[in-house]
Amino acid sequence: MIMNNRDLMLDALAVLWNKKNRGNQRLSGHPLARAVYMRHFNGLTYIEIAKELNISVESARVYVGKGLQIMRKYIERKYGSNAIDA
């Protein structure tokens, strides 16, 4: 099955969205996933994300970066290292 980058990103985002916190409790939309979604699907700025999540602008940047890093690793494990660049 061939998936485009948007489909790959949505698949990885769904996994991240359902990630459990350190106390093994399921979160209602993991903060990293929410930040990635707001940035890449809603087009919000880091300032807007920070206001929405009640965090600093620097934390918003870190959340998006860390979320994308986790999503990339998931995609590489599930679909192979060439999946994103295809």
C-alpha atoms as a PDB file:
ATOM      1  CA  MET A   1       0.000   0.000   0.000  1.00  0.00           C
ATOM      2  CA  ILE A   2       1.404   3.367  -1.032  1.00  0.00           C
ATOM      3  CA  MET A   3       0.680   6.240   1.317  1.00  0.00           C
ATOM      4  CA  ASN A   4       1.413   9.894   0.758  1.00  0.00           C
ATOM      5  CA  ASN A   5       3.222  11.976   3.374  1.00  0.00           C
ATOM      6  CA  ARG A   6      -0.031  13.397   4.748  1.00  0.00           C
ATOM      7  CA  ASP A   7      -1.416   9.885   5.312  1.00  0.00           C
ATOM      8  CA  LEU A   8       1.823   8.801   6.991  1.00  0.00           C
ATOM      9  CA  MET A   9       1.757  11.862   9.206  1.00  0.00           C
ATOM     10  CA  LEU A  10      -1.883  11.294  10.184  1.00  0.00           C
ATOM     11  CA  ASP A  11      -1.148   7.646  11.023  1.00  0.00           C
ATOM     12  CA  ALA A  12       1.790   8.630  13.232  1.00  0.00           C
ATOM     13  CA  LEU A  13      -0.197  11.491  14.764  1.00  0.00           C
ATOM     14  CA  ALA A  14      -2.980   9.083  15.767  1.00  0.00           C
ATOM     15  CA  VAL A  15      -0.440   6.908  17.583  1.00  0.00           C
ATOM     16  CA  LEU A  16       1.091   9.917  19.326  1.00  0.00           C
ATOM     17  CA  TRP A  17      -2.373  11.297  20.174  1.00  0.00           C
ATOM     18  CA  ASN A  18      -3.186   8.098  22.091  1.00  0.00           C
ATOM     19  CA  LYS A  19       0.180   7.902  23.855  1.00  0.00           C
ATOM     20  CA  LYS A  20       0.000   7.336  27.586  1.00  0.00           C
ATOM     21  CA  ASN A  21       1.688   9.568  30.114  1.00  0.00           C
ATOM     22  CA  ARG A  22       4.349   8.366  32.534  1.00  0.00           C
ATOM     23  CA  GLY A  23       1.682   7.296  35.010  1.00  0.00           C
ATOM     24  CA  ASN A  24       0.330   4.978  32.283  1.00  0.00           C
ATOM     25  CA  GLN A  25      -2.844   7.036  32.007  1.00  0.00           C
ATOM     26  CA  ARG A  26      -4.292   7.731  28.580  1.00  0.00           C
ATOM     27  CA  LEU A  27      -4.392  11.440  27.889  1.00  0.00           C
ATOM     28  CA  SER A  28      -7.114  13.284  26.050  1.00  0.00           C
ATOM     29  CA  GLY A  29      -4.887  14.249  23.161  1.00  0.00           C
ATOM     30  CA  HIS A  30      -1.239  14.039  24.119  1.00  0.00           C
ATOM     31  CA  PRO A  31       0.223  17.575  24.362  1.00  0.00           C
ATOM     32  CA  LEU A  32       2.943  16.796  21.789  1.00  0.00           C
ATOM     33  CA  ALA A  33       0.335  15.555  19.323  1.00  0.00           C
ATOM     34  CA  ARG A  34      -1.863  18.573  19.948  1.00  0.00           C
ATOM     35  CA  ALA A  35       1.071  20.906  19.291  1.00  0.00           C
ATOM     36  CA  VAL A  36       2.032  19.113  16.051  1.00  0.00           C
ATOM     37  CA  TYR A  37      -1.575  19.125  14.871  1.00  0.00           C
ATOM     38  CA  MET A  38      -2.001  22.824  15.619  1.00  0.00           C
ATOM     39  CA  ARG A  39       1.249  23.683  13.822  1.00  0.00           C
ATOM     40  CA  HIS A  40       1.072  21.458  10.748  1.00  0.00           C
ATOM     41  CA  PHE A  41      -2.644  21.009  10.155  1.00  0.00           C
ATOM     42  CA  ASN A  42      -4.117  24.242  11.537  1.00  0.00           C
ATOM     43  CA  GLY A  43      -1.151  26.446  10.627  1.00  0.00           C
ATOM     44  CA  LEU A  44      -0.895  28.077  14.052  1.00  0.00           C
ATOM     45  CA  THR A  45       2.236  29.941  15.053  1.00  0.00           C
ATOM     46  CA  TYR A  46       4.291  28.915  18.070  1.00  0.00           C
ATOM     47  CA  ILE A  47       2.891  31.930  19.913  1.00  0.00           C
ATOM     48  CA  GLU A  48      -0.681  30.783  19.211  1.00  0.00           C
ATOM     49  CA  ILE A  49       0.149  27.207  20.252  1.00  0.00           C
ATOM     50  CA  ALA A  50       1.719  28.474  23.475  1.00  0.00           C
ATOM     51  CA  LYS A  51      -1.427  30.461  24.320  1.00  0.00           C
ATOM     52  CA  GLU A  52      -3.720  27.535  23.488  1.00  0.00           C
ATOM     53  CA  LEU A  53      -1.734  25.020  25.578  1.00  0.00           C
ATOM     54  CA  ASN A  54      -0.877  27.548  28.311  1.00  0.00           C
ATOM     55  CA  ILE A  55       2.871  27.001  27.908  1.00  0.00           C
ATOM     56  CA  SER A  56       5.834  29.179  26.929  1.00  0.00           C
ATOM     57  CA  VAL A  57       6.673  29.819  23.282  1.00  0.00           C
ATOM     58  CA  GLU A  58       9.921  27.877  23.712  1.00  0.00           C
ATOM     59  CA  SER A  59       7.962  24.927  25.135  1.00  0.00           C
ATOM     60  CA  ALA A  60       5.655  25.078  22.106  1.00  0.00           C
ATOM     61  CA  ARG A  61       8.702  24.780  19.814  1.00  0.00           C
ATOM     62  CA  VAL A  62      10.022  21.869  21.865  1.00  0.00           C
ATOM     63  CA  TYR A  63       6.630  20.097  21.862  1.00  0.00           C
ATOM     64  CA  VAL A  64       6.354  20.329  18.074  1.00  0.00           C
ATOM     65  CA  GLY A  65       9.955  19.223  17.538  1.00  0.00           C
ATOM     66  CA  LYS A  66       9.723  16.312  19.972  1.00  0.00           C
ATOM     67  CA  GLY A  67       6.343  15.268  18.577  1.00  0.00           C
ATOM     68  CA  LEU A  68       7.699  15.236  15.013  1.00  0.00           C
ATOM     69  CA  GLN A  69      10.747  13.268  16.167  1.00  0.00           C
ATOM     70  CA  ILE A  70       8.546  10.579  17.760  1.00  0.00           C
ATOM     71  CA  MET A  71       6.307  10.479  14.697  1.00  0.00           C
ATOM     72  CA  ARG A  72       9.300  10.108  12.340  1.00  0.00           C
ATOM     73  CA  LYS A  73      10.647   7.166  14.377  1.00  0.00           C
ATOM     74  CA  TYR A  74       7.227   5.505  14.296  1.00  0.00           C
ATOM     75  CA  ILE A  75       6.937   5.931  10.518  1.00  0.00           C
ATOM     76  CA  GLU A  76      10.454   4.599   9.950  1.00  0.00           C
ATOM     77  CA  ARG A  77       9.746   1.535  12.114  1.00  0.00           C
ATOM     78  CA  LYS A  78       6.374   0.801  10.513  1.00  0.00           C
ATOM     79  CA  TYR A  79       6.976   1.754   6.878  1.00  0.00           C
ATOM     80  CA  GLY A  80      10.754   1.814   6.455  1.00  0.00           C
ATOM     81  CA  SER A  81      13.347   4.560   6.434  1.00  0.00           C
ATOM     82  CA  ASN A  82      12.486   5.663   2.876  1.00  0.00           C
ATOM     83  CA  ALA A  83       8.759   6.152   3.542  1.00  0.00           C
ATOM     84  CA  ILE A  84       8.906   9.851   4.376  1.00  0.00           C
ATOM     85  CA  ASP A  85      11.158  10.830   1.500  1.00  0.00           C
ATOM     86  CA  ALA A  86       9.171   8.859  -1.075  1.00  0.00           C
END
